[in-house]
């Protein structure tokens, strides 16, 4: 796997934490020096390792928010 760089600009919160301490979190991350995107993925307890996740532009995260708000739970 190629090396990559990232910078966590903001951590919004944890969606869920597993028994192993890994947590699914919503963050704003700049990948490889690009404009930051909203990111949902699992992070290790010390924040140094991550699993695959999903990234969203501002427009996409707004659309996701609106879609989730329209769902009756």
N, C-alpha and C. Protein backbone atom coordinates (compact mmCIF):
# COMPACT_ATOMS: atom_id res chain seq x y z
N UNK A 1 0.84 -1.17 0.00
CA UNK A 1 0.00 0.00 0.00
C UNK A 1 0.89 1.24 0.00
N UNK A 2 0.57 2.20 -0.81
CA UNK A 2 1.36 3.42 -0.92
C UNK A 2 1.19 4.27 0.33
N UNK A 3 2.24 5.01 0.66
CA UNK A 3 2.15 5.94 1.78
C UNK A 3 1.21 7.08 1.41
N UNK A 4 0.52 7.58 2.38
CA UNK A 4 -0.36 8.72 2.16
C UNK A 4 -0.32 9.59 3.41
N UNK A 5 -0.70 10.82 3.23
CA UNK A 5 -0.72 11.74 4.36
C UNK A 5 -2.14 12.21 4.59
N UNK A 6 -2.42 12.55 5.82
CA UNK A 6 -3.72 13.10 6.16
C UNK A 6 -3.55 14.00 7.37
N UNK A 7 -4.48 14.92 7.51
CA UNK A 7 -4.51 15.80 8.67
C UNK A 7 -5.95 15.91 9.15
N UNK A 8 -6.17 15.51 10.38
CA UNK A 8 -7.50 15.64 10.97
C UNK A 8 -7.70 17.11 11.33
N UNK A 9 -8.67 17.74 10.69
CA UNK A 9 -8.96 19.15 10.93
C UNK A 9 -9.92 19.32 12.10
N UNK A 10 -10.88 18.38 12.22
CA UNK A 10 -11.87 18.46 13.29
C UNK A 10 -12.48 17.09 13.52
N UNK A 11 -12.71 16.76 14.77
CA UNK A 11 -13.42 15.54 15.14
C UNK A 11 -14.77 15.95 15.68
N UNK A 12 -15.84 15.43 15.04
CA UNK A 12 -17.19 15.81 15.44
C UNK A 12 -17.76 14.90 16.52
N UNK A 13 -17.39 13.61 16.47
CA UNK A 13 -17.88 12.71 17.50
C UNK A 13 -17.82 11.26 17.09
N UNK A 14 -18.20 10.41 18.02
CA UNK A 14 -18.18 8.97 17.85
C UNK A 14 -19.59 8.46 17.63
N UNK A 15 -19.76 7.65 16.58
CA UNK A 15 -21.06 7.04 16.31
C UNK A 15 -21.26 5.80 17.17
N UNK A 16 -20.21 4.98 17.27
CA UNK A 16 -20.28 3.76 18.07
C UNK A 16 -18.86 3.30 18.38
N UNK A 17 -18.69 2.68 19.53
CA UNK A 17 -17.39 2.12 19.91
C UNK A 17 -17.55 0.62 20.12
N UNK A 18 -16.66 -0.15 19.51
CA UNK A 18 -16.71 -1.59 19.64
C UNK A 18 -16.04 -2.08 20.90
N UNK A 19 -16.22 -3.36 21.23
CA UNK A 19 -15.62 -3.92 22.45
C UNK A 19 -14.08 -3.92 22.40
N UNK A 20 -13.52 -3.83 21.19
CA UNK A 20 -12.07 -3.81 21.05
C UNK A 20 -11.50 -2.40 21.18
N UNK A 21 -12.37 -1.40 21.40
CA UNK A 21 -11.93 -0.02 21.57
C UNK A 21 -11.92 0.79 20.30
N UNK A 22 -12.04 0.11 19.14
CA UNK A 22 -12.10 0.86 17.88
C UNK A 22 -13.42 1.61 17.83
N UNK A 23 -13.37 2.84 17.29
CA UNK A 23 -14.56 3.69 17.28
C UNK A 23 -14.84 4.20 15.88
N UNK A 24 -16.11 4.15 15.48
CA UNK A 24 -16.55 4.73 14.21
C UNK A 24 -16.80 6.21 14.48
N UNK A 25 -16.02 7.07 13.81
CA UNK A 25 -16.07 8.50 14.10
C UNK A 25 -16.31 9.32 12.86
N UNK A 26 -16.92 10.48 13.07
CA UNK A 26 -17.10 11.47 12.01
C UNK A 26 -16.06 12.55 12.21
N UNK A 27 -15.22 12.75 11.17
CA UNK A 27 -14.15 13.74 11.24
C UNK A 27 -14.11 14.53 9.95
N UNK A 28 -13.44 15.66 10.00
CA UNK A 28 -13.13 16.45 8.82
C UNK A 28 -11.63 16.26 8.59
N UNK A 29 -11.28 15.66 7.42
CA UNK A 29 -9.90 15.27 7.17
C UNK A 29 -9.43 15.79 5.82
N UNK A 30 -8.21 16.30 5.80
CA UNK A 30 -7.54 16.67 4.56
C UNK A 30 -6.66 15.50 4.15
N UNK A 31 -6.95 14.88 3.02
CA UNK A 31 -6.18 13.75 2.51
C UNK A 31 -5.16 14.25 1.49
N UNK A 32 -3.90 13.95 1.72
CA UNK A 32 -2.81 14.30 0.79
C UNK A 32 -2.80 15.79 0.45
N UNK A 33 -3.08 16.62 1.45
CA UNK A 33 -3.02 18.06 1.26
C UNK A 33 -4.18 18.66 0.49
N UNK A 34 -5.17 17.85 0.15
CA UNK A 34 -6.33 18.36 -0.59
C UNK A 34 -7.32 19.03 0.36
N UNK A 35 -8.37 19.62 -0.24
CA UNK A 35 -9.43 20.23 0.57
C UNK A 35 -10.01 19.18 1.51
N UNK A 36 -10.33 19.58 2.74
CA UNK A 36 -10.87 18.61 3.70
C UNK A 36 -12.23 18.07 3.26
N UNK A 37 -12.47 16.81 3.64
CA UNK A 37 -13.76 16.15 3.40
C UNK A 37 -14.25 15.54 4.70
N UNK A 38 -15.56 15.36 4.77
CA UNK A 38 -16.16 14.71 5.92
C UNK A 38 -15.91 13.21 5.77
N UNK A 39 -15.57 12.57 6.86
CA UNK A 39 -15.08 11.20 6.81
C UNK A 39 -15.69 10.38 7.94
N UNK A 40 -16.20 9.20 7.58
CA UNK A 40 -16.72 8.26 8.58
C UNK A 40 -15.93 6.97 8.42
N UNK A 41 -15.25 6.56 9.49
CA UNK A 41 -14.48 5.31 9.47
C UNK A 41 -14.15 4.89 10.90
N UNK A 42 -13.68 3.65 11.03
CA UNK A 42 -13.25 3.13 12.32
C UNK A 42 -11.80 3.54 12.58
N UNK A 43 -11.54 3.99 13.82
CA UNK A 43 -10.21 4.38 14.26
C UNK A 43 -9.81 3.56 15.47
N UNK A 44 -8.53 3.24 15.56
CA UNK A 44 -8.01 2.50 16.71
C UNK A 44 -8.12 3.37 17.96
N UNK A 45 -8.04 2.75 19.14
CA UNK A 45 -8.17 3.52 20.38
C UNK A 45 -7.17 4.68 20.49
N UNK A 46 -5.96 4.51 19.98
CA UNK A 46 -4.98 5.59 20.08
C UNK A 46 -4.99 6.53 18.87
N UNK A 47 -5.87 6.25 17.90
CA UNK A 47 -6.03 7.13 16.75
C UNK A 47 -4.93 7.05 15.70
N UNK A 48 -4.08 6.02 15.77
CA UNK A 48 -2.98 5.91 14.81
C UNK A 48 -3.27 4.97 13.65
N UNK A 49 -4.31 4.15 13.79
CA UNK A 49 -4.67 3.21 12.72
C UNK A 49 -6.13 3.42 12.36
N UNK A 50 -6.46 3.07 11.10
CA UNK A 50 -7.82 3.25 10.63
C UNK A 50 -8.20 2.12 9.69
N UNK A 51 -9.49 1.90 9.57
CA UNK A 51 -10.03 0.98 8.58
C UNK A 51 -10.56 1.78 7.40
N UNK A 52 -10.99 1.07 6.37
CA UNK A 52 -11.60 1.75 5.23
C UNK A 52 -12.85 2.49 5.69
N UNK A 53 -13.15 3.58 4.99
CA UNK A 53 -14.30 4.37 5.38
C UNK A 53 -14.92 5.06 4.19
N UNK A 54 -15.75 6.03 4.48
CA UNK A 54 -16.45 6.81 3.46
C UNK A 54 -16.09 8.27 3.63
N UNK A 55 -15.87 8.96 2.51
CA UNK A 55 -15.62 10.39 2.56
C UNK A 55 -16.71 11.12 1.77
N UNK A 56 -17.03 12.32 2.23
CA UNK A 56 -18.10 13.10 1.64
C UNK A 56 -17.67 14.56 1.48
N UNK A 57 -18.04 15.17 0.38
CA UNK A 57 -17.89 16.61 0.23
C UNK A 57 -18.95 17.28 1.10
N UNK A 58 -18.87 18.60 1.23
CA UNK A 58 -19.89 19.31 2.01
C UNK A 58 -21.27 19.09 1.42
N UNK A 59 -21.36 19.15 0.09
CA UNK A 59 -22.65 18.96 -0.57
C UNK A 59 -23.20 17.55 -0.31
N UNK A 60 -22.33 16.56 -0.33
CA UNK A 60 -22.76 15.18 -0.11
C UNK A 60 -23.20 14.95 1.34
N UNK A 61 -22.48 15.53 2.29
CA UNK A 61 -22.86 15.33 3.69
C UNK A 61 -24.17 16.04 4.01
N UNK A 62 -24.42 17.19 3.37
CA UNK A 62 -25.70 17.88 3.53
C UNK A 62 -26.83 17.03 2.95
N UNK A 63 -26.60 16.43 1.77
CA UNK A 63 -27.61 15.56 1.16
C UNK A 63 -27.86 14.33 2.03
N UNK A 64 -26.81 13.77 2.63
CA UNK A 64 -26.97 12.62 3.52
C UNK A 64 -27.76 13.02 4.76
N UNK A 65 -27.45 14.17 5.32
CA UNK A 65 -28.19 14.65 6.49
C UNK A 65 -29.67 14.81 6.17
N UNK A 66 -29.96 15.42 5.01
CA UNK A 66 -31.35 15.63 4.63
C UNK A 66 -32.07 14.30 4.41
N UNK A 67 -31.37 13.36 3.79
CA UNK A 67 -31.95 12.04 3.56
C UNK A 67 -32.24 11.34 4.88
N UNK A 68 -31.29 11.37 5.80
CA UNK A 68 -31.50 10.74 7.11
C UNK A 68 -32.63 11.41 7.87
N UNK A 69 -32.73 12.73 7.77
CA UNK A 69 -33.82 13.43 8.46
C UNK A 69 -35.19 13.07 7.89
N UNK A 70 -35.24 12.62 6.64
CA UNK A 70 -36.51 12.27 6.02
C UNK A 70 -36.97 10.83 6.36
N UNK A 71 -36.10 10.06 6.97
CA UNK A 71 -36.42 8.67 7.30
C UNK A 71 -37.11 8.63 8.66
N UNK A 72 -38.26 7.95 8.71
CA UNK A 72 -38.94 7.79 9.99
C UNK A 72 -38.39 6.57 10.68
N UNK A 73 -37.82 6.78 11.84
CA UNK A 73 -37.22 5.67 12.60
C UNK A 73 -38.12 5.22 13.73
